[in-house]
Amino acid sequence: RVELVTTTDRVDIGRRAADIGIRSERPTEQWLAGRQSGKVAHAIYSG
């Protein structure tokens, strides 16, 4: 089963609040592993 945890805060994977995190920064904690999946760009939009 899959459960999505949606939040602007960083969920603590180390405490098993989530199994997988999709983040904008490389993890620095020694108990976390990460792999880069790409980049995300931002721009100005209007209606």
ModelCIF file with pLDDT and N, C-alpha, C, O atoms, coordinates in Angstrom:
data_MODEL
#
_entry.id   MODEL 
#
_entity.id                         1 
_entity.type                       polymer 
_entity.pdbx_number_of_molecules   1 
#
_entity_poly.entity_id                      1 
_entity_poly.type                           'polypeptide(L)' 
_entity_poly.nstd_linkage                   no 
_entity_poly.nstd_monomer                   no 
_entity_poly.pdbx_seq_one_letter_code       RVELVTTTDRVDIGRRAADIGIRSERPTEQWLAGRQSGKVAHAIYSG 
_entity_poly.pdbx_seq_one_letter_code_can   RVELVTTTDRVDIGRRAADIGIRSERPTEQWLAGRQSGKVAHAIYSG 
_entity_poly.pdbx_strand_id                 A 
#
loop_
_entity_poly_seq.entity_id 
_entity_poly_seq.num 
_entity_poly_seq.mon_id 
_entity_poly_seq.hetero 
1 1  ARG n 
1 2  VAL n 
1 3  GLU n 
1 4  LEU n 
1 5  VAL n 
1 6  THR n 
1 7  THR n 
1 8  THR n 
1 9  ASP n 
1 10 ARG n 
1 11 VAL n 
1 12 ASP n 
1 13 ILE n 
1 14 GLY n 
1 15 ARG n 
1 16 ARG n 
1 17 ALA n 
1 18 ALA n 
1 19 ASP n 
1 20 ILE n 
1 21 GLY n 
1 22 ILE n 
1 23 ARG n 
1 24 SER n 
1 25 GLU n 
1 26 ARG n 
1 27 PRO n 
1 28 THR n 
1 29 GLU n 
1 30 GLN n 
1 31 TRP n 
1 32 LEU n 
1 33 ALA n 
1 34 GLY n 
1 35 ARG n 
1 36 GLN n 
1 37 SER n 
1 38 GLY n 
1 39 LYS n 
1 40 VAL n 
1 41 ALA n 
1 42 HIS n 
1 43 ALA n 
1 44 ILE n 
1 45 TYR n 
1 46 SER n 
1 47 GLY n 
#
_struct_asym.id          A 
_struct_asym.entity_id   1 
#
loop_
_ma_qa_metric.id 
_ma_qa_metric.mode 
_ma_qa_metric.name 
_ma_qa_metric.software_group_id 
_ma_qa_metric.type 
1 global pLDDT . pLDDT 
2 local  pLDDT . pLDDT 
#
_ma_qa_metric_global.metric_id      1 
_ma_qa_metric_global.metric_value   88.98 
_ma_qa_metric_global.model_id       1 
_ma_qa_metric_global.ordinal_id     1 
#
loop_
_ma_qa_metric_local.label_asym_id 
_ma_qa_metric_local.label_comp_id 
_ma_qa_metric_local.label_seq_id 
_ma_qa_metric_local.metric_id 
_ma_qa_metric_local.metric_value 
_ma_qa_metric_local.model_id 
_ma_qa_metric_local.ordinal_id 
A ARG 1  2 87.00 1 1  
A VAL 2  2 93.00 1 2  
A GLU 3  2 91.00 1 3  
A LEU 4  2 93.00 1 4  
A VAL 5  2 90.00 1 5  
A THR 6  2 88.00 1 6  
A THR 7  2 84.00 1 7  
A THR 8  2 79.00 1 8  
A ASP 9  2 77.00 1 9  
A ARG 10 2 77.00 1 10 
A VAL 11 2 79.00 1 11 
A ASP 12 2 77.00 1 12 
A ILE 13 2 81.00 1 13 
A GLY 14 2 70.00 1 14 
A ARG 15 2 73.00 1 15 
A ARG 16 2 74.00 1 16 
A ALA 17 2 79.00 1 17 
A ALA 18 2 87.00 1 18 
A ASP 19 2 91.00 1 19 
A ILE 20 2 95.00 1 20 
A GLY 21 2 93.00 1 21 
A ILE 22 2 95.00 1 22 
A ARG 23 2 94.00 1 23 
A SER 24 2 90.00 1 24 
A GLU 25 2 90.00 1 25 
A ARG 26 2 91.00 1 26 
A PRO 27 2 89.00 1 27 
A THR 28 2 87.00 1 28 
A GLU 29 2 87.00 1 29 
A GLN 30 2 87.00 1 30 
A TRP 31 2 88.00 1 31 
A LEU 32 2 91.00 1 32 
A ALA 33 2 91.00 1 33 
A GLY 34 2 93.00 1 34 
A ARG 35 2 94.00 1 35 
A GLN 36 2 95.00 1 36 
A SER 37 2 95.00 1 37 
A GLY 38 2 95.00 1 38 
A LYS 39 2 96.00 1 39 
A VAL 40 2 97.00 1 40 
A ALA 41 2 97.00 1 41 
A HIS 42 2 98.00 1 42 
A ALA 43 2 97.00 1 43 
A ILE 44 2 97.00 1 44 
A TYR 45 2 97.00 1 45 
A SER 46 2 97.00 1 46 
A GLY 47 2 96.00 1 47 
#
loop_
_atom_site.group_PDB 
_atom_site.id 
_atom_site.type_symbol 
_atom_site.label_atom_id 
_atom_site.label_alt_id 
_atom_site.label_comp_id 
_atom_site.label_asym_id 
_atom_site.label_entity_id 
_atom_site.label_seq_id 
_atom_site.pdbx_PDB_ins_code 
_atom_site.Cartn_x 
_atom_site.Cartn_y 
_atom_site.Cartn_z 
_atom_site.occupancy 
_atom_site.B_iso_or_equiv 
_atom_site.pdbx_formal_charge 
_atom_site.auth_seq_id 
_atom_site.auth_comp_id 
_atom_site.auth_asym_id 
_atom_site.auth_atom_id 
_atom_site.pdbx_PDB_model_num 
ATOM 1   N N  . ARG A 1 1  ? 0.855  -1.188 0.000   1.00 87.00 ? 1  ARG A N  1 
ATOM 2   C CA . ARG A 1 1  ? 0.000  0.000  0.000   1.00 87.00 ? 1  ARG A CA 1 
ATOM 3   C C  . ARG A 1 1  ? 0.891  1.238  0.000   1.00 87.00 ? 1  ARG A C  1 
ATOM 4   O O  . ARG A 1 1  ? 2.010  1.212  0.511   1.00 87.00 ? 1  ARG A O  1 
ATOM 5   N N  . VAL A 1 2  ? 0.382  2.312  -0.575  1.00 93.00 ? 2  VAL A N  1 
ATOM 6   C CA . VAL A 1 2  ? 1.133  3.562  -0.657  1.00 93.00 ? 2  VAL A CA 1 
ATOM 7   C C  . VAL A 1 2  ? 0.365  4.654  0.057   1.00 93.00 ? 2  VAL A C  1 
ATOM 8   O O  . VAL A 1 2  ? -0.849 4.784  -0.098  1.00 93.00 ? 2  VAL A O  1 
ATOM 9   N N  . GLU A 1 3  ? 1.086  5.434  0.837   1.00 91.00 ? 3  GLU A N  1 
ATOM 10  C CA . GLU A 1 3  ? 0.477  6.556  1.565   1.00 91.00 ? 3  GLU A CA 1 
ATOM 11  C C  . GLU A 1 3  ? 1.280  7.815  1.267   1.00 91.00 ? 3  GLU A C  1 
ATOM 12  O O  . GLU A 1 3  ? 2.494  7.839  1.473   1.00 91.00 ? 3  GLU A O  1 
ATOM 13  N N  . LEU A 1 4  ? 0.610  8.864  0.782   1.00 93.00 ? 4  LEU A N  1 
ATOM 14  C CA . LEU A 1 4  ? 1.268  10.132 0.497   1.00 93.00 ? 4  LEU A CA 1 
ATOM 15  C C  . LEU A 1 4  ? 1.181  11.038 1.718   1.00 93.00 ? 4  LEU A C  1 
ATOM 16  O O  . LEU A 1 4  ? 0.107  11.228 2.288   1.00 93.00 ? 4  LEU A O  1 
ATOM 17  N N  . VAL A 1 5  ? 2.319  11.593 2.110   1.00 90.00 ? 5  VAL A N  1 
ATOM 18  C CA . VAL A 1 5  ? 2.394  12.549 3.222   1.00 90.00 ? 5  VAL A CA 1 
ATOM 19  C C  . VAL A 1 5  ? 2.745  13.898 2.608   1.00 90.00 ? 5  VAL A C  1 
ATOM 20  O O  . VAL A 1 5  ? 3.903  14.147 2.271   1.00 90.00 ? 5  VAL A O  1 
ATOM 21  N N  . THR A 1 6  ? 1.747  14.771 2.460   1.00 88.00 ? 6  THR A N  1 
ATOM 22  C CA . THR A 1 6  ? 1.925  16.048 1.778   1.00 88.00 ? 6  THR A CA 1 
ATOM 23  C C  . THR A 1 6  ? 2.120  17.165 2.789   1.00 88.00 ? 6  THR A C  1 
ATOM 24  O O  . THR A 1 6  ? 1.251  17.403 3.628   1.00 88.00 ? 6  THR A O  1 
ATOM 25  N N  . THR A 1 7  ? 3.252  17.852 2.714   1.00 84.00 ? 7  THR A N  1 
ATOM 26  C CA . THR A 1 7  ? 3.542  18.936 3.643   1.00 84.00 ? 7  THR A CA 1 
ATOM 27  C C  . THR A 1 7  ? 4.674  19.786 3.094   1.00 84.00 ? 7  THR A C  1 
ATOM 28  O O  . THR A 1 7  ? 5.521  19.297 2.347   1.00 84.00 ? 7  THR A O  1 
ATOM 29  N N  . THR A 1 8  ? 4.688  21.065 3.468   1.00 79.00 ? 8  THR A N  1 
ATOM 30  C CA . THR A 1 8  ? 5.811  21.931 3.105   1.00 79.00 ? 8  THR A CA 1 
ATOM 31  C C  . THR A 1 8  ? 6.968  21.760 4.072   1.00 79.00 ? 8  THR A C  1 
ATOM 32  O O  . THR A 1 8  ? 8.080  22.210 3.798   1.00 79.00 ? 8  THR A O  1 
ATOM 33  N N  . ASP A 1 9  ? 6.714  21.108 5.210   1.00 77.00 ? 9  ASP A N  1 
ATOM 34  C CA . ASP A 1 9  ? 7.764  20.847 6.183   1.00 77.00 ? 9  ASP A CA 1 
ATOM 35  C C  . ASP A 1 9  ? 8.526  19.579 5.801   1.00 77.00 ? 9  ASP A C  1 
ATOM 36  O O  . ASP A 1 9  ? 8.032  18.740 5.048   1.00 77.00 ? 9  ASP A O  1 
ATOM 37  N N  . ARG A 1 10 ? 9.719  19.462 6.330   1.00 77.00 ? 10 ARG A N  1 
ATOM 38  C CA . ARG A 1 10 ? 10.513 18.258 6.074   1.00 77.00 ? 10 ARG A CA 1 
ATOM 39  C C  . ARG A 1 10 ? 10.091 17.158 7.034   1.00 77.00 ? 10 ARG A C  1 
ATOM 40  O O  . ARG A 1 10 ? 10.204 17.311 8.251   1.00 77.00 ? 10 ARG A O  1 
ATOM 41  N N  . VAL A 1 11 ? 9.609  16.063 6.494   1.00 79.00 ? 11 VAL A N  1 
ATOM 42  C CA . VAL A 1 11 ? 9.175  14.926 7.304   1.00 79.00 ? 11 VAL A CA 1 
ATOM 43  C C  . VAL A 1 11 ? 10.396 14.112 7.717   1.00 79.00 ? 11 VAL A C  1 
ATOM 44  O O  . VAL A 1 11 ? 11.308 13.898 6.918   1.00 79.00 ? 11 VAL A O  1 
ATOM 45  N N  . ASP A 1 12 ? 10.408 13.666 8.959   1.00 77.00 ? 12 ASP A N  1 
ATOM 46  C CA . ASP A 1 12 ? 11.571 12.982 9.522   1.00 77.00 ? 12 ASP A CA 1 
ATOM 47  C C  . ASP A 1 12 ? 11.608 11.516 9.087   1.00 77.00 ? 12 ASP A C  1 
ATOM 48  O O  . ASP A 1 12 ? 10.960 10.663 9.694   1.00 77.00 ? 12 ASP A O  1 
ATOM 49  N N  . ILE A 1 13 ? 12.365 11.235 8.037   1.00 81.00 ? 13 ILE A N  1 
ATOM 50  C CA . ILE A 1 13 ? 12.511 9.860  7.563   1.00 81.00 ? 13 ILE A CA 1 
ATOM 51  C C  . ILE A 1 13 ? 13.274 9.028  8.580   1.00 81.00 ? 13 ILE A C  1 
ATOM 52  O O  . ILE A 1 13 ? 13.039 7.827  8.712   1.00 81.00 ? 13 ILE A O  1 
ATOM 53  N N  . GLY A 1 14 ? 14.190 9.669  9.299   1.00 70.00 ? 14 GLY A N  1 
ATOM 54  C CA . GLY A 1 14 ? 14.971 8.948  10.300  1.00 70.00 ? 14 GLY A CA 1 
ATOM 55  C C  . GLY A 1 14 ? 14.106 8.338  11.376  1.00 70.00 ? 14 GLY A C  1 
ATOM 56  O O  . GLY A 1 14 ? 14.451 7.294  11.930  1.00 70.00 ? 14 GLY A O  1 
ATOM 57  N N  . ARG A 1 15 ? 12.967 8.979  11.688  1.00 73.00 ? 15 ARG A N  1 
ATOM 58  C CA . ARG A 1 15 ? 12.041 8.451  12.690  1.00 73.00 ? 15 ARG A CA 1 
ATOM 59  C C  . ARG A 1 15 ? 10.913 7.662  12.056  1.00 73.00 ? 15 ARG A C  1 
ATOM 60  O O  . ARG A 1 15 ? 9.919  7.342  12.707  1.00 73.00 ? 15 ARG A O  1 
ATOM 61  N N  . ARG A 1 16 ? 11.079 7.346  10.752  1.00 74.00 ? 16 ARG A N  1 
ATOM 62  C CA . ARG A 1 16 ? 10.115 6.519  10.012  1.00 74.00 ? 16 ARG A CA 1 
ATOM 63  C C  . ARG A 1 16 ? 8.759  7.200  9.851   1.00 74.00 ? 16 ARG A C  1 
ATOM 64  O O  . ARG A 1 16 ? 7.745  6.520  9.693   1.00 74.00 ? 16 ARG A O  1 
ATOM 65  N N  . ALA A 1 17 ? 8.725  8.556  9.890   1.00 79.00 ? 17 ALA A N  1 
ATOM 66  C CA . ALA A 1 17 ? 7.477  9.257  9.573   1.00 79.00 ? 17 ALA A CA 1 
ATOM 67  C C  . ALA A 1 17 ? 7.155  9.103  8.094   1.00 79.00 ? 17 ALA A C  1 
ATOM 68  O O  . ALA A 1 17 ? 6.009  9.290  7.684   1.00 79.00 ? 17 ALA A O  1 
ATOM 69  N N  . ALA A 1 18 ? 8.159  8.764  7.292   1.00 87.00 ? 18 ALA A N  1 
ATOM 70  C CA . ALA A 1 18 ? 7.972  8.437  5.878   1.00 87.00 ? 18 ALA A CA 1 
ATOM 71  C C  . ALA A 1 18 ? 9.090  7.485  5.478   1.00 87.00 ? 18 ALA A C  1 
ATOM 72  O O  . ALA A 1 18 ? 10.159 7.467  6.088   1.00 87.00 ? 18 ALA A O  1 
ATOM 73  N N  . ASP A 1 19 ? 8.823  6.698  4.449   1.00 91.00 ? 19 ASP A N  1 
ATOM 74  C CA . ASP A 1 19 ? 9.848  5.776  3.940   1.00 91.00 ? 19 ASP A CA 1 
ATOM 75  C C  . ASP A 1 19 ? 10.658 6.403  2.815   1.00 91.00 ? 19 ASP A C  1 
ATOM 76  O O  . ASP A 1 19 ? 11.844 6.118  2.653   1.00 91.00 ? 19 ASP A O  1 
ATOM 77  N N  . ILE A 1 20 ? 9.999  7.263  2.040   1.00 95.00 ? 20 ILE A N  1 
ATOM 78  C CA . ILE A 1 20 ? 10.631 7.916  0.890   1.00 95.00 ? 20 ILE A CA 1 
ATOM 79  C C  . ILE A 1 20 ? 10.296 9.405  0.952   1.00 95.00 ? 20 ILE A C  1 
ATOM 80  O O  . ILE A 1 20 ? 9.152  9.778  1.210   1.00 95.00 ? 20 ILE A O  1 
ATOM 81  N N  . GLY A 1 21 ? 11.279 10.237 0.720   1.00 93.00 ? 21 GLY A N  1 
ATOM 82  C CA . GLY A 1 21 ? 11.053 11.672 0.644   1.00 93.00 ? 21 GLY A CA 1 
ATOM 83  C C  . GLY A 1 21 ? 11.513 12.201 -0.699  1.00 93.00 ? 21 GLY A C  1 
ATOM 84  O O  . GLY A 1 21 ? 12.598 11.855 -1.167  1.00 93.00 ? 21 GLY A O  1 
ATOM 85  N N  . ILE A 1 22 ? 10.689 13.048 -1.329  1.00 95.00 ? 22 ILE A N  1 
ATOM 86  C CA . ILE A 1 22 ? 11.086 13.716 -2.572  1.00 95.00 ? 22 ILE A CA 1 
ATOM 87  C C  . ILE A 1 22 ? 11.476 15.127 -2.174  1.00 95.00 ? 22 ILE A C  1 
ATOM 88  O O  . ILE A 1 22 ? 10.616 15.944 -1.845  1.00 95.00 ? 22 ILE A O  1 
ATOM 89  N N  . ARG A 1 23 ? 12.780 15.421 -2.203  1.00 94.00 ? 23 ARG A N  1 
ATOM 90  C CA . ARG A 1 23 ? 13.300 16.657 -1.632  1.00 94.00 ? 23 ARG A CA 1 
ATOM 91  C C  . ARG A 1 23 ? 14.076 17.473 -2.662  1.00 94.00 ? 23 ARG A C  1 
ATOM 92  O O  . ARG A 1 23 ? 14.461 16.979 -3.722  1.00 94.00 ? 23 ARG A O  1 
ATOM 93  N N  . SER A 1 24 ? 14.290 18.741 -2.310  1.00 90.00 ? 24 SER A N  1 
ATOM 94  C CA . SER A 1 24 ? 15.008 19.655 -3.200  1.00 90.00 ? 24 SER A CA 1 
ATOM 95  C C  . SER A 1 24 ? 16.482 19.779 -2.832  1.00 90.00 ? 24 SER A C  1 
ATOM 96  O O  . SER A 1 24 ? 17.212 20.551 -3.453  1.00 90.00 ? 24 SER A O  1 
ATOM 97  N N  . GLU A 1 25 ? 16.918 19.036 -1.839  1.00 90.00 ? 25 GLU A N  1 
ATOM 98  C CA . GLU A 1 25 ? 18.313 19.100 -1.421  1.00 90.00 ? 25 GLU A CA 1 
ATOM 99  C C  . GLU A 1 25 ? 18.856 17.698 -1.179  1.00 90.00 ? 25 GLU A C  1 
ATOM 100 O O  . GLU A 1 25 ? 18.116 16.780 -0.825  1.00 90.00 ? 25 GLU A O  1 
ATOM 101 N N  . ARG A 1 26 ? 20.141 17.555 -1.374  1.00 91.00 ? 26 ARG A N  1 
ATOM 102 C CA . ARG A 1 26 ? 20.798 16.286 -1.081  1.00 91.00 ? 26 ARG A CA 1 
ATOM 103 C C  . ARG A 1 26 ? 20.788 16.053 0.432   1.00 91.00 ? 26 ARG A C  1 
ATOM 104 O O  . ARG A 1 26 ? 21.079 16.976 1.193   1.00 91.00 ? 26 ARG A O  1 
ATOM 105 N N  . PRO A 1 27 ? 20.460 14.843 0.879   1.00 89.00 ? 27 PRO A N  1 
ATOM 106 C CA . PRO A 1 27 ? 20.428 14.586 2.323   1.00 89.00 ? 27 PRO A CA 1 
ATOM 107 C C  . PRO A 1 27 ? 21.829 14.640 2.920   1.00 89.00 ? 27 PRO A C  1 
ATOM 108 O O  . PRO A 1 27 ? 22.788 14.156 2.318   1.00 89.00 ? 27 PRO A O  1 
ATOM 109 N N  . THR A 1 28 ? 21.938 15.226 4.095   1.00 87.00 ? 28 THR A N  1 
ATOM 110 C CA . THR A 1 28 ? 23.226 15.324 4.774   1.00 87.00 ? 28 THR A CA 1 
ATOM 111 C C  . THR A 1 28 ? 23.313 14.425 5.998   1.00 87.00 ? 28 THR A C  1 
ATOM 112 O O  . THR A 1 28 ? 24.404 14.182 6.513   1.00 87.00 ? 28 THR A O  1 
ATOM 113 N N  . GLU A 1 29 ? 22.171 13.931 6.467   1.00 87.00 ? 29 GLU A N  1 
ATOM 114 C CA . GLU A 1 29 ? 22.163 13.057 7.632   1.00 87.00 ? 29 GLU A CA 1 
ATOM 115 C C  . GLU A 1 29 ? 22.805 11.714 7.271   1.00 87.00 ? 29 GLU A C  1 
ATOM 116 O O  . GLU A 1 29 ? 22.556 11.177 6.192   1.00 87.00 ? 29 GLU A O  1 
ATOM 117 N N  . GLN A 1 30 ? 23.620 11.179 8.163   1.00 87.00 ? 30 GLN A N  1 
ATOM 118 C CA . GLN A 1 30 ? 24.355 9.953  7.869   1.00 87.00 ? 30 GLN A CA 1 
ATOM 119 C C  . GLN A 1 30 ? 23.450 8.732  7.766   1.00 87.00 ? 30 GLN A C  1 
ATOM 120 O O  . GLN A 1 30 ? 23.840 7.726  7.173   1.00 87.00 ? 30 GLN A O  1 
ATOM 121 N N  . TRP A 1 31 ? 22.254 8.804  8.329   1.00 88.00 ? 31 TRP A N  1 
ATOM 122 C CA . TRP A 1 31 ? 21.357 7.653  8.276   1.00 88.00 ? 31 TRP A CA 1 
ATOM 123 C C  . TRP A 1 31 ? 20.420 7.686  7.061   1.00 88.00 ? 31 TRP A C  1 
ATOM 124 O O  . TRP A 1 31 ? 19.553 6.822  6.924   1.00 88.00 ? 31 TRP A O  1 
ATOM 125 N N  . LEU A 1 32 ? 20.592 8.674  6.186   1.00 91.00 ? 32 LEU A N  1 
ATOM 126 C CA . LEU A 1 32 ? 19.759 8.780  4.996   1.00 91.00 ? 32 LEU A CA 1 
ATOM 127 C C  . LEU A 1 32 ? 20.584 8.513  3.739   1.00 91.00 ? 32 LEU A C  1 
ATOM 128 O O  . LEU A 1 32 ? 21.778 8.805  3.684   1.00 91.00 ? 32 LEU A O  1 
ATOM 129 N N  . ALA A 1 33 ? 19.918 7.953  2.737   1.00 91.00 ? 33 ALA A N  1 
ATOM 130 C CA . ALA A 1 33 ? 20.533 7.719  1.432   1.00 91.00 ? 33 ALA A CA 1 
ATOM 131 C C  . ALA A 1 33 ? 19.701 8.444  0.383   1.00 91.00 ? 33 ALA A C  1 
ATOM 132 O O  . ALA A 1 33 ? 18.478 8.520  0.500   1.00 91.00 ? 33 ALA A O  1 
ATOM 133 N N  . GLY A 1 34 ? 20.360 8.974  -0.641  1.00 93.00 ? 34 GLY A N  1 
ATOM 134 C CA . GLY A 1 34 ? 19.624 9.712  -1.668  1.00 93.00 ? 34 GLY A CA 1 
ATOM 135 C C  . GLY A 1 34 ? 20.212 9.515  -3.046  1.00 93.00 ? 34 GLY A C  1 
ATOM 136 O O  . GLY A 1 34 ? 21.390 9.197  -3.208  1.00 93.00 ? 34 GLY A O  1 
ATOM 137 N N  . ARG A 1 35 ? 19.361 9.713  -4.034  1.00 94.00 ? 35 ARG A N  1 
ATOM 138 C CA . ARG A 1 35 ? 19.821 9.705  -5.423  1.00 94.00 ? 35 ARG A CA 1 
ATOM 139 C C  . ARG A 1 35 ? 19.108 10.834 -6.160  1.00 94.00 ? 35 ARG A C  1 
ATOM 140 O O  . ARG A 1 35 ? 17.904 11.035 -6.000  1.00 94.00 ? 35 ARG A O  1 
ATOM 141 N N  . GLN A 1 36 ? 19.860 11.557 -6.957  1.00 95.00 ? 36 GLN A N  1 
ATOM 142 C CA . GLN A 1 36 ? 19.295 12.694 -7.666  1.00 95.00 ? 36 GLN A CA 1 
ATOM 143 C C  . GLN A 1 36 ? 18.474 12.204 -8.849  1.00 95.00 ? 36 GLN A C  1 
ATOM 144 O O  . GLN A 1 36 ? 18.933 11.375 -9.634  1.00 95.00 ? 36 GLN A O  1 
ATOM 145 N N  . SER A 1 37 ? 17.259 12.723 -8.968  1.00 95.00 ? 37 SER A N  1 
ATOM 146 C CA . SER A 1 37 ? 16.381 12.316 -10.066 1.00 95.00 ? 37 SER A CA 1 
ATOM 147 C C  . SER A 1 37 ? 16.244 13.395 -11.125 1.00 95.00 ? 37 SER A C  1 
ATOM 148 O O  . SER A 1 37 ? 15.604 13.176 -12.154 1.00 95.00 ? 37 SER A O  1 
ATOM 149 N N  . GLY A 1 38 ? 16.846 14.573 -10.884 1.00 95.00 ? 38 GLY A N  1 
ATOM 150 C CA . GLY A 1 38 ? 16.767 15.631 -11.884 1.00 95.00 ? 38 GLY A CA 1 
ATOM 151 C C  . GLY A 1 38 ? 16.805 17.000 -11.240 1.00 95.00 ? 38 GLY A C  1 
ATOM 152 O O  . GLY A 1 38 ? 17.313 17.165 -10.131 1.00 95.00 ? 38 GLY A O  1 
ATOM 153 N N  . LYS A 1 39 ? 16.257 17.991 -11.952 1.00 96.00 ? 39 LYS A N  1 
ATOM 154 C CA . LYS A 1 39 ? 16.189 19.361 -11.476 1.00 96.00 ? 39 LYS A CA 1 
ATOM 155 C C  . LYS A 1 39 ? 14.785 19.910 -11.684 1.00 96.00 ? 39 LYS A C  1 
ATOM 156 O O  . LYS A 1 39 ? 14.001 19.382 -12.471 1.00 96.00 ? 39 LYS A O  1 
ATOM 157 N N  . VAL A 1 40 ? 14.486 20.996 -10.950 1.00 97.00 ? 40 VAL A N  1 
ATOM 158 C CA . VAL A 1 40 ? 13.178 21.631 -11.041 1.00 97.00 ? 40 VAL A CA 1 
ATOM 159 C C  . VAL A 1 40 ? 13.383 23.120 -11.272 1.00 97.00 ? 40 VAL A C  1 
ATOM 160 O O  . VAL A 1 40 ? 14.073 23.785 -10.499 1.00 97.00 ? 40 VAL A O  1 
ATOM 161 N N  . ALA A 1 41 ? 12.780 23.642 -12.339 1.00 97.00 ? 41 ALA A N  1 
ATOM 162 C CA . ALA A 1 41 ? 12.871 25.060 -12.660 1.00 97.00 ? 41 ALA A CA 1 
ATOM 163 C C  . ALA A 1 41 ? 11.583 25.773 -12.245 1.00 97.00 ? 41 ALA A C  1 
ATOM 164 O O  . ALA A 1 41 ? 10.524 25.155 -12.130 1.00 97.00 ? 41 ALA A O  1 
ATOM 165 N N  . HIS A 1 42 ? 11.696 27.105 -12.019 1.00 98.00 ? 42 HIS A N  1 
ATOM 166 C CA . HIS A 1 42 ? 10.553 27.953 -11.662 1.00 98.00 ? 42 HIS A CA 1 
ATOM 167 C C  . HIS A 1 42 ? 10.508 29.153 -12.602 1.00 98.00 ? 42 HIS A C  1 
ATOM 168 O O  . HIS A 1 42 ? 11.542 29.617 -13.082 1.00 98.00 ? 42 HIS A O  1 
ATOM 169 N N  . ALA A 1 43 ? 9.300  29.651 -12.860 1.00 97.00 ? 43 ALA A N  1 
ATOM 170 C CA . ALA A 1 43 ? 9.139  30.817 -13.725 1.00 97.00 ? 43 ALA A CA 1 
ATOM 171 C C  . ALA A 1 43 ? 7.898  31.593 -13.304 1.00 97.00 ? 43 ALA A C  1 
ATOM 172 O O  . ALA A 1 43 ? 7.106  31.131 -12.482 1.00 97.00 ? 43 ALA A O  1 
ATOM 173 N N  . ILE A 1 44 ? 7.744  32.790 -13.887 1.00 97.00 ? 44 ILE A N  1 
ATOM 174 C CA . ILE A 1 44 ? 6.562  33.620 -13.610 1.00 97.00 ? 44 ILE A CA 1 
ATOM 175 C C  . ILE A 1 44 ? 5.470  33.258 -14.613 1.00 97.00 ? 44 ILE A C  1 
ATOM 176 O O  . ILE A 1 44 ? 5.721  33.109 -15.809 1.00 97.00 ? 44 ILE A O  1 
ATOM 177 N N  . TYR A 1 45 ? 4.255  33.123 -14.092 1.00 97.00 ? 45 TYR A N  1 
ATOM 178 C CA . TYR A 1 45 ? 3.096  32.763 -14.911 1.00 97.00 ? 45 TYR A CA 1 
ATOM 179 C C  . TYR A 1 45 ? 1.961  33.746 -14.671 1.00 97.00 ? 45 TYR A C  1 
ATOM 180 O O  . TYR A 1 45 ? 1.879  34.393 -13.627 1.00 97.00 ? 45 TYR A O  1 
ATOM 181 N N  . SER A 1 46 ? 1.081  33.838 -15.677 1.00 97.00 ? 46 SER A N  1 
ATOM 182 C CA . SER A 1 46 ? -0.149 34.623 -15.537 1.00 97.00 ? 46 SER A CA 1 
ATOM 183 C C  . SER A 1 46 ? -1.305 33.802 -16.074 1.00 97.00 ? 46 SER A C  1 
ATOM 184 O O  . SER A 1 46 ? -1.116 32.744 -16.674 1.00 97.00 ? 46 SER A O  1 
ATOM 185 N N  . GLY A 1 47 ? -2.499 34.308 -15.848 1.00 96.00 ? 47 GLY A N  1 
ATOM 186 C CA . GLY A 1 47 ? -3.661 33.706 -16.492 1.00 96.00 ? 47 GLY A CA 1 
ATOM 187 C C  . GLY A 1 47 ? -3.670 34.075 -17.971 1.00 96.00 ? 47 GLY A C  1 
ATOM 188 O O  . GLY A 1 47 ? -4.571 33.667 -18.704 1.00 96.00 ? 47 GLY A O  1 
#
